C-alpha atoms as a PDB file:
ATOM      1  CA  MET A   1     -15.075  31.410  -7.327  1.00  0.00           C
ATOM      2  CA  HIS A   2     -12.375  33.614  -5.837  1.00  0.00           C
ATOM      3  CA  SER A   3     -12.394  34.994  -2.352  1.00  0.00           C
ATOM      4  CA  GLY A   4     -12.880  38.722  -1.903  1.00  0.00           C
ATOM      5  CA  ASN A   5     -10.742  38.784   1.213  1.00  0.00           C
ATOM      6  CA  GLY A   6      -7.999  41.270   0.344  1.00  0.00           C
ATOM      7  CA  GLY A   7      -7.464  39.762  -3.130  1.00  0.00           C
ATOM      8  CA  SER A   8      -5.690  36.795  -1.635  1.00  0.00           C
ATOM      9  CA  GLY A   9      -6.629  34.615  -4.570  1.00  0.00           C
ATOM     10  CA  ARG A  10      -7.780  31.781  -2.316  1.00  0.00           C
ATOM     11  CA  VAL A  11     -10.291  29.537  -3.989  1.00  0.00           C
ATOM     12  CA  LEU A  12     -13.446  28.575  -2.122  1.00  0.00           C
ATOM     13  CA  ARG A  13     -14.509  25.101  -3.100  1.00  0.00           C
ATOM     14  CA  SER A  14     -17.879  23.572  -2.451  1.00  0.00           C
ATOM     15  CA  PRO A  15     -17.910  20.262  -0.593  1.00  0.00           C
ATOM     16  CA  SER A  16     -16.920  17.385  -2.826  1.00  0.00           C
ATOM     17  CA  PRO A  17     -19.865  15.273  -4.003  1.00  0.00           C
ATOM     18  CA  ALA A  18     -17.885  12.208  -2.926  1.00  0.00           C
ATOM     19  CA  ARG A  19     -18.398  13.271   0.669  1.00  0.00           C
ATOM     20  CA  TRP A  20     -22.126  12.699   0.319  1.00  0.00           C
ATOM     21  CA  THR A  21     -22.101   9.299  -1.367  1.00  0.00           C
ATOM     22  CA  ASP A  22     -23.567   7.575   1.695  1.00  0.00           C
ATOM     23  CA  LEU A  23     -26.202  10.210   2.451  1.00  0.00           C
ATOM     24  CA  ARG A  24     -29.079   8.543   0.598  1.00  0.00           C
ATOM     25  CA  LEU A  25     -28.533   5.184   2.288  1.00  0.00           C
ATOM     26  CA  ARG A  26     -28.274   6.906   5.674  1.00  0.00           C
ATOM     27  CA  LEU A  27     -31.554   8.725   5.126  1.00  0.00           C
ATOM     28  CA  VAL A  28     -33.389   5.585   4.031  1.00  0.00           C
ATOM     29  CA  SER A  29     -32.063   3.620   6.997  1.00  0.00           C
ATOM     30  CA  ALA A  30     -33.027   6.420   9.390  1.00  0.00           C
ATOM     31  CA  LEU A  31     -36.552   6.633   7.959  1.00  0.00           C
ATOM     32  CA  VAL A  32     -36.992   2.909   8.591  1.00  0.00           C
ATOM     33  CA  LEU A  33     -35.285   2.562  11.971  1.00  0.00           C
ATOM     34  CA  ALA A  34     -36.223   5.824  13.691  1.00  0.00           C
ATOM     35  CA  PRO A  35     -39.996   5.220  13.788  1.00  0.00           C
ATOM     36  CA  LEU A  36     -39.428   1.686  15.114  1.00  0.00           C
ATOM     37  CA  ALA A  37     -37.153   2.901  17.893  1.00  0.00           C
ATOM     38  CA  LEU A  38     -39.480   5.736  18.886  1.00  0.00           C
ATOM     39  CA  ALA A  39     -42.514   3.449  18.815  1.00  0.00           C
ATOM     40  CA  ALA A  40     -40.787   0.969  21.131  1.00  0.00           C
ATOM     41  CA  ILE A  41     -39.830   3.769  23.529  1.00  0.00           C
ATOM     42  CA  TRP A  42     -43.373   5.145  23.496  1.00  0.00           C
ATOM     43  CA  ARG A  43     -44.953   1.733  24.075  1.00  0.00           C
ATOM     44  CA  GLY A  44     -42.509   0.596  26.740  1.00  0.00           C
ATOM     45  CA  GLY A  45     -43.175  -2.627  28.647  1.00  0.00           C
ATOM     46  CA  THR A  46     -42.685  -5.917  26.850  1.00  0.00           C
ATOM     47  CA  VAL A  47     -42.288  -4.318  23.447  1.00  0.00           C
ATOM     48  CA  PHE A  48     -39.369  -2.200  24.600  1.00  0.00           C
ATOM     49  CA  LEU A  49     -37.819  -5.134  26.456  1.00  0.00           C
ATOM     50  CA  VAL A  50     -37.978  -7.342  23.354  1.00  0.00           C
ATOM     51  CA  VAL A  51     -36.342  -4.644  21.219  1.00  0.00           C
ATOM     52  CA  ILE A  52     -33.545  -4.135  23.754  1.00  0.00           C
ATOM     53  CA  VAL A  53     -32.906  -7.873  24.116  1.00  0.00           C
ATOM     54  CA  ALA A  54     -32.800  -8.309  20.335  1.00  0.00           C
ATOM     55  CA  ALA A  55     -30.437  -5.341  19.942  1.00  0.00           C
ATOM     56  CA  ALA A  56     -28.171  -6.596  22.736  1.00  0.00           C
ATOM     57  CA  ALA A  57     -28.033 -10.062  21.176  1.00  0.00           C
ATOM     58  CA  GLY A  58     -27.147  -8.599  17.775  1.00  0.00           C
ATOM     59  CA  LEU A  59     -24.476  -6.349  19.285  1.00  0.00           C
ATOM     60  CA  ALA A  60     -22.960  -9.238  21.235  1.00  0.00           C
ATOM     61  CA  ILE A  61     -22.827 -11.442  18.139  1.00  0.00           C
ATOM     62  CA  GLU A  62     -21.120  -8.694  16.131  1.00  0.00           C
ATOM     63  CA  TRP A  63     -18.611  -7.970  18.893  1.00  0.00           C
ATOM     64  CA  VAL A  64     -17.656 -11.604  19.401  1.00  0.00           C
ATOM     65  CA  GLY A  65     -17.272 -11.947  15.630  1.00  0.00           C
ATOM     66  CA  LEU A  66     -14.879  -8.994  15.581  1.00  0.00           C
ATOM     67  CA  CYS A  67     -12.899 -10.282  18.554  1.00  0.00           C
ATOM     68  CA  ARG A  68     -12.358 -13.618  16.867  1.00  0.00           C
ATOM     69  CA  LEU A  69     -10.292 -11.780  14.248  1.00  0.00           C
ATOM     70  CA  GLY A  70      -7.572 -11.029  16.803  1.00  0.00           C
ATOM     71  CA  PRO A  71      -5.464 -12.877  19.369  1.00  0.00           C
ATOM     72  CA  ALA A  72      -6.607 -13.562  22.925  1.00  0.00           C
ATOM     73  CA  TRP A  73     -10.122 -12.869  21.749  1.00  0.00           C
ATOM     74  CA  ARG A  74     -12.056 -14.510  24.574  1.00  0.00           C
ATOM     75  CA  GLY A  75     -11.138 -11.919  27.206  1.00  0.00           C
ATOM     76  CA  ARG A  76     -11.956  -9.018  24.884  1.00  0.00           C
ATOM     77  CA  ALA A  77     -15.184 -10.673  23.856  1.00  0.00           C
ATOM     78  CA  ALA A  78     -16.262 -11.177  27.476  1.00  0.00           C
ATOM     79  CA  ALA A  79     -15.458  -7.559  28.400  1.00  0.00           C
ATOM     80  CA  GLY A  80     -17.357  -6.183  25.421  1.00  0.00           C
ATOM     81  CA  VAL A  81     -20.385  -8.399  25.961  1.00  0.00           C
ATOM     82  CA  GLY A  82     -20.415  -7.347  29.616  1.00  0.00           C
ATOM     83  CA  TRP A  83     -20.522  -3.674  28.592  1.00  0.00           C
ATOM     84  CA  ILE A  84     -23.311  -4.360  26.100  1.00  0.00           C
ATOM     85  CA  LEU A  85     -25.350  -6.105  28.795  1.00  0.00           C
ATOM     86  CA  LEU A  86     -24.742  -3.198  31.184  1.00  0.00           C
ATOM     87  CA  ALA A  87     -26.024  -0.718  28.604  1.00  0.00           C
ATOM     88  CA  ALA A  88     -29.057  -2.914  27.905  1.00  0.00           C
ATOM     89  CA  VAL A  89     -29.916  -3.163  31.605  1.00  0.00           C
ATOM     90  CA  CYS A  90     -29.540   0.613  31.931  1.00  0.00           C
ATOM     91  CA  ALA A  91     -31.931   1.173  29.018  1.00  0.00           C
ATOM     92  CA  VAL A  92     -34.579  -1.114  30.514  1.00  0.00           C
ATOM     93  CA  TRP A  93     -34.157   0.439  33.960  1.00  0.00           C
ATOM     94  CA  LEU A  94     -34.429   3.986  32.604  1.00  0.00           C
ATOM     95  CA  ARG A  95     -37.579   3.241  30.610  1.00  0.00           C
ATOM     96  CA  ALA A  96     -39.185   1.450  33.567  1.00  0.00           C
ATOM     97  CA  ASP A  97     -39.620   4.724  35.482  1.00  0.00           C
ATOM     98  CA  PRO A  98     -43.413   5.247  35.261  1.00  0.00           C
ATOM     99  CA  LEU A  99     -43.154   9.044  35.398  1.00  0.00           C
ATOM    100  CA  ALA A 100     -39.972   9.989  33.542  1.00  0.00           C
ATOM    101  CA  GLY A 101     -38.993   6.812  31.692  1.00  0.00           C
ATOM    102  CA  ARG A 102     -40.532   7.655  28.341  1.00  0.00           C
ATOM    103  CA  ALA A 103     -39.286  11.253  28.407  1.00  0.00           C
ATOM    104  CA  ASN A 104     -35.769  10.276  29.458  1.00  0.00           C
ATOM    105  CA  MET A 105     -35.330   7.601  26.813  1.00  0.00           C
ATOM    106  CA  GLY A 106     -36.757   9.900  24.168  1.00  0.00           C
ATOM    107  CA  PHE A 107     -34.364  12.627  25.268  1.00  0.00           C
ATOM    108  CA  LEU A 108     -31.379  10.265  25.060  1.00  0.00           C
ATOM    109  CA  VAL A 109     -32.305   9.089  21.596  1.00  0.00           C
ATOM    110  CA  LEU A 110     -32.752  12.636  20.328  1.00  0.00           C
ATOM    111  CA  VAL A 111     -29.421  13.714  21.833  1.00  0.00           C
ATOM    112  CA  VAL A 112     -27.539  10.794  20.274  1.00  0.00           C
ATOM    113  CA  TRP A 113     -29.192  11.264  16.895  1.00  0.00           C
ATOM    114  CA  SER A 114     -28.719  15.032  16.812  1.00  0.00           C
ATOM    115  CA  SER A 115     -25.089  14.659  17.829  1.00  0.00           C
ATOM    116  CA  ASP A 116     -24.529  12.154  15.041  1.00  0.00           C
ATOM    117  CA  VAL A 117     -26.296  14.304  12.456  1.00  0.00           C
ATOM    118  CA  GLY A 118     -24.528  17.485  13.585  1.00  0.00           C
ATOM    119  CA  ALA A 119     -21.145  15.777  13.431  1.00  0.00           C
ATOM    120  CA  TYR A 120     -21.888  14.309   9.996  1.00  0.00           C
ATOM    121  CA  LEU A 121     -23.032  17.600   8.469  1.00  0.00           C
ATOM    122  CA  ALA A 122     -20.306  19.765  10.002  1.00  0.00           C
ATOM    123  CA  GLY A 123     -17.632  17.254   9.111  1.00  0.00           C
ATOM    124  CA  ARG A 124     -18.772  17.037   5.489  1.00  0.00           C
ATOM    125  CA  VAL A 125     -19.411  20.757   4.958  1.00  0.00           C
ATOM    126  CA  ILE A 126     -16.530  22.276   6.930  1.00  0.00           C
ATOM    127  CA  GLY A 127     -13.936  19.503   7.025  1.00  0.00           C
ATOM    128  CA  GLY A 128     -10.655  20.739   8.437  1.00  0.00           C
ATOM    129  CA  PRO A 129      -8.173  19.157  10.865  1.00  0.00           C
ATOM    130  CA  ARG A 130      -8.708  15.537  11.810  1.00  0.00           C
ATOM    131  CA  LEU A 131      -9.885  14.739  15.314  1.00  0.00           C
ATOM    132  CA  ALA A 132      -8.034  11.441  15.691  1.00  0.00           C
ATOM    133  CA  PRO A 133      -6.397  10.514  12.373  1.00  0.00           C
ATOM    134  CA  THR A 134      -4.762   7.343  13.657  1.00  0.00           C
ATOM    135  CA  ILE A 135      -8.081   6.032  14.981  1.00  0.00           C
ATOM    136  CA  SER A 136     -10.748   7.369  12.621  1.00  0.00           C
ATOM    137  CA  PRO A 137      -9.409   9.425   9.696  1.00  0.00           C
ATOM    138  CA  GLY A 138     -12.887  10.592   8.678  1.00  0.00           C
ATOM    139  CA  LYS A 139     -13.648  12.463  11.908  1.00  0.00           C
ATOM    140  CA  THR A 140     -12.780  16.138  12.229  1.00  0.00           C
ATOM    141  CA  TRP A 141     -12.752  18.747  14.975  1.00  0.00           C
ATOM    142  CA  ALA A 142     -15.470  20.564  13.053  1.00  0.00           C
ATOM    143  CA  GLY A 143     -17.580  17.416  13.164  1.00  0.00           C
ATOM    144  CA  ALA A 144     -17.054  17.078  16.909  1.00  0.00           C
ATOM    145  CA  ALA A 145     -18.138  20.687  17.402  1.00  0.00           C
ATOM    146  CA  GLY A 146     -21.125  20.124  15.129  1.00  0.00           C
ATOM    147  CA  GLY A 147     -22.143  17.164  17.264  1.00  0.00           C
ATOM    148  CA  LEU A 148     -21.974  19.286  20.398  1.00  0.00           C
ATOM    149  CA  VAL A 149     -24.051  22.033  18.806  1.00  0.00           C
ATOM    150  CA  GLY A 150     -26.644  19.546  17.554  1.00  0.00           C
ATOM    151  CA  ALA A 151     -27.018  17.974  20.984  1.00  0.00           C
ATOM    152  CA  ALA A 152     -27.158  21.348  22.735  1.00  0.00           C
ATOM    153  CA  CYS A 153     -29.934  22.418  20.378  1.00  0.00           C
ATOM    154  CA  VAL A 154     -31.940  19.368  21.449  1.00  0.00           C
ATOM    155  CA  GLY A 155     -31.358  20.293  25.081  1.00  0.00           C
ATOM    156  CA  LEU A 156     -32.570  23.814  24.336  1.00  0.00           C
ATOM    157  CA  ALA A 157     -35.658  22.592  22.485  1.00  0.00           C
ATOM    158  CA  VAL A 158     -36.621  19.927  25.023  1.00  0.00           C
ATOM    159  CA  ALA A 159     -36.135  22.199  28.048  1.00  0.00           C
ATOM    160  CA  GLY A 160     -37.965  25.031  26.352  1.00  0.00           C
ATOM    161  CA  LEU A 161     -40.948  22.878  25.390  1.00  0.00           C
ATOM    162  CA  HIS A 162     -41.077  21.151  28.775  1.00  0.00           C
ATOM    163  CA  GLY A 163     -40.835  24.450  30.632  1.00  0.00           C
ATOM    164  CA  TRP A 164     -43.459  26.115  28.455  1.00  0.00           C
ATOM    165  CA  ARG A 165     -45.911  23.249  28.955  1.00  0.00           C
ATOM    166  CA  HIS A 166     -45.418  23.138  32.736  1.00  0.00           C
ATOM    167  CA  GLY A 167     -44.913  26.836  33.380  1.00  0.00           C
ATOM    168  CA  THR A 168     -41.358  26.334  34.624  1.00  0.00           C
ATOM    169  CA  LEU A 169     -39.432  27.976  31.802  1.00  0.00           C
ATOM    170  CA  ASP A 170     -36.249  29.615  33.095  1.00  0.00           C
ATOM    171  CA  THR A 171     -32.772  30.405  31.842  1.00  0.00           C
ATOM    172  CA  LEU A 172     -31.018  28.210  34.391  1.00  0.00           C
ATOM    173  CA  GLY A 173     -33.107  25.187  33.435  1.00  0.00           C
ATOM    174  CA  ILE A 174     -32.408  25.683  29.742  1.00  0.00           C
ATOM    175  CA  THR A 175     -28.685  26.136  30.395  1.00  0.00           C
ATOM    176  CA  ARG A 176     -28.625  22.967  32.489  1.00  0.00           C
ATOM    177  CA  ALA A 177     -30.420  20.991  29.781  1.00  0.00           C
ATOM    178  CA  MET A 178     -28.002  22.176  27.125  1.00  0.00           C
ATOM    179  CA  ALA A 179     -25.044  21.263  29.349  1.00  0.00           C
ATOM    180  CA  VAL A 180     -26.438  17.767  30.022  1.00  0.00           C
ATOM    181  CA  ALA A 181     -27.066  17.206  26.301  1.00  0.00           C
ATOM    182  CA  ALA A 182     -23.581  18.444  25.375  1.00  0.00           C
ATOM    183  CA  GLY A 183     -21.998  16.221  28.032  1.00  0.00           C
ATOM    184  CA  LEU A 184     -23.851  13.192  26.710  1.00  0.00           C
ATOM    185  CA  SER A 185     -22.713  14.137  23.205  1.00  0.00           C
ATOM    186  CA  VAL A 186     -19.081  14.090  24.347  1.00  0.00           C
ATOM    187  CA  LEU A 187     -19.566  10.627  25.831  1.00  0.00           C
ATOM    188  CA  GLY A 188     -21.306   9.433  22.684  1.00  0.00           C
ATOM    189  CA  GLN A 189     -18.506  10.701  20.464  1.00  0.00           C
ATOM    190  CA  ALA A 190     -15.976   9.025  22.767  1.00  0.00           C
ATOM    191  CA  GLY A 191     -17.914   5.782  22.357  1.00  0.00           C
ATOM    192  CA  ASP A 192     -17.825   6.249  18.607  1.00  0.00           C
ATOM    193  CA  LEU A 193     -14.058   6.724  18.674  1.00  0.00           C
ATOM    194  CA  ALA A 194     -13.613   3.691  20.924  1.00  0.00           C
ATOM    195  CA  GLU A 195     -15.512   1.530  18.449  1.00  0.00           C
ATOM    196  CA  SER A 196     -13.471   2.968  15.556  1.00  0.00           C
ATOM    197  CA  TRP A 197     -10.276   2.123  17.440  1.00  0.00           C
ATOM    198  CA  ALA A 198     -11.490  -1.433  18.005  1.00  0.00           C
ATOM    199  CA  LYS A 199     -12.314  -1.874  14.313  1.00  0.00           C
ATOM    200  CA  ARG A 200      -8.881  -0.554  13.359  1.00  0.00           C
ATOM    201  CA  CYS A 201      -7.276  -3.057  15.741  1.00  0.00           C
ATOM    202  CA  PHE A 202      -9.257  -5.856  14.096  1.00  0.00           C
ATOM    203  CA  GLY A 203      -8.557  -4.569  10.569  1.00  0.00           C
ATOM    204  CA  VAL A 204     -12.160  -3.993   9.461  1.00  0.00           C
ATOM    205  CA  LYS A 205     -14.018  -0.935   8.207  1.00  0.00           C
ATOM    206  CA  ASP A 206     -17.492  -1.794   9.551  1.00  0.00           C
ATOM    207  CA  SER A 207     -18.698  -4.056  12.324  1.00  0.00           C
ATOM    208  CA  GLY A 208     -21.198  -5.633   9.924  1.00  0.00           C
ATOM    209  CA  ARG A 209     -23.495  -4.980   6.974  1.00  0.00           C
ATOM    210  CA  LEU A 210     -26.879  -5.129   8.636  1.00  0.00           C
ATOM    211  CA  ILE A 211     -27.793  -1.440   8.240  1.00  0.00           C
ATOM    212  CA  PRO A 212     -27.256   0.107   4.774  1.00  0.00           C
ATOM    213  CA  GLY A 213     -25.194   3.287   4.992  1.00  0.00           C
ATOM    214  CA  HIS A 214     -24.180   2.605   8.589  1.00  0.00           C
ATOM    215  CA  GLY A 215     -22.606  -0.867   8.654  1.00  0.00           C
ATOM    216  CA  GLY A 216     -23.507  -3.052  11.613  1.00  0.00           C
ATOM    217  CA  LEU A 217     -25.355  -2.536  14.856  1.00  0.00           C
ATOM    218  CA  LEU A 218     -22.156  -1.537  16.640  1.00  0.00           C
ATOM    219  CA  ASP A 219     -21.566   1.173  14.050  1.00  0.00           C
ATOM    220  CA  ARG A 220     -25.032   2.557  14.717  1.00  0.00           C
ATOM    221  CA  LEU A 221     -25.261   2.088  18.493  1.00  0.00           C
ATOM    222  CA  ASP A 222     -21.688   2.722  19.642  1.00  0.00           C
ATOM    223  CA  ALA A 223     -22.604   6.150  21.038  1.00  0.00           C
ATOM    224  CA  ALA A 224     -25.667   4.782  22.844  1.00  0.00           C
ATOM    225  CA  LEU A 225     -23.531   2.128  24.541  1.00  0.00           C
ATOM    226  CA  ALA A 226     -21.415   4.907  26.055  1.00  0.00           C
ATOM    227  CA  VAL A 227     -24.309   7.230  26.910  1.00  0.00           C
ATOM    228  CA  LEU A 228     -26.728   4.793  28.582  1.00  0.00           C
ATOM    229  CA  PRO A 229     -24.656   3.916  31.696  1.00  0.00           C
ATOM    230  CA  ALA A 230     -23.891   7.602  32.304  1.00  0.00           C
ATOM    231  CA  ALA A 231     -27.550   8.536  31.862  1.00  0.00           C
ATOM    232  CA  ALA A 232     -28.638   5.784  34.247  1.00  0.00           C
ATOM    233  CA  LEU A 233     -26.133   7.048  36.846  1.00  0.00           C
ATOM    234  CA  LEU A 234     -27.462  10.577  36.431  1.00  0.00           C
ATOM    235  CA  ALA A 235     -31.068   9.380  36.735  1.00  0.00           C
ATOM    236  CA  TYR A 236     -30.192   7.463  39.886  1.00  0.00           C
ATOM    237  CA  GLY A 237     -28.676  10.590  41.395  1.00  0.00           C
ATOM    238  CA  LEU A 238     -31.683  12.728  40.480  1.00  0.00           C
ATOM    239  CA  GLY A 239     -34.177  10.227  41.869  1.00  0.00           C
ATOM    240  CA  PRO A 240     -37.314   8.557  40.482  1.00  0.00           C
ATOM    241  CA  GLY A 241     -39.664  10.577  38.319  1.00  0.00           C
ATOM    242  CA  VAL A 242     -37.148  13.338  37.492  1.00  0.00           C
ATOM    243  CA  VAL A 243     -36.279  14.070  33.882  1.00  0.00           C
ATOM    244  CA  LEU A 244     -32.570  13.981  33.020  1.00  0.00           C
ATOM    245  CA  TRP A 245     -32.383  17.597  31.859  1.00  0.00           C
ATOM    246  CA  ARG A 246     -33.675  19.011  35.165  1.00  0.00           C
END
């Protein structure tokens, strides 16, 4: 199909089917994992603690396995495991808040997921210039923008619903929620790039094969590892019982 823009003769091509080869596996994995994660967040307590400990153990095992592929691996392994433990402690601490813990963890999960989905869809549909070709050739500036938009939409929806239910709906609150969600998206995407850089250094494509369509736990949780410490710091500054988007 030819473009009607001044008879330039430019051809508009639909996204290549090859770009969507992993979509089915991603959907199936999400349909299995998402309910489990949300159920653990909703239940809290021991159930949530067990899930976090199991995830941290799996992440640590994957990271140490990757580090063993390179020189001087013990120092890198220790640093990475320390960061994983920090993120795990932050997750448990955030969820432990009796008033805002469930809402804050749910908000974080939705922001990370929406950022990932927005980046995936925008990157596949729009394509365009690469974000960091030497680190992760598959990521584009369009994908990064799509991630920001997806996260901001979650901020808008969460703030709007929360404000409507509590009679505190206002433009400033919605703007603040969108800004917080977008900021967390930037951190999550930075975490994703950091993990991609590490895999490139170790000469592997995926951190593992545990999750079909996603690779290993590190491939799936790299953004969360970057977001959790920042969210915990924000929650500490806001004080107990305050939701992150307020």
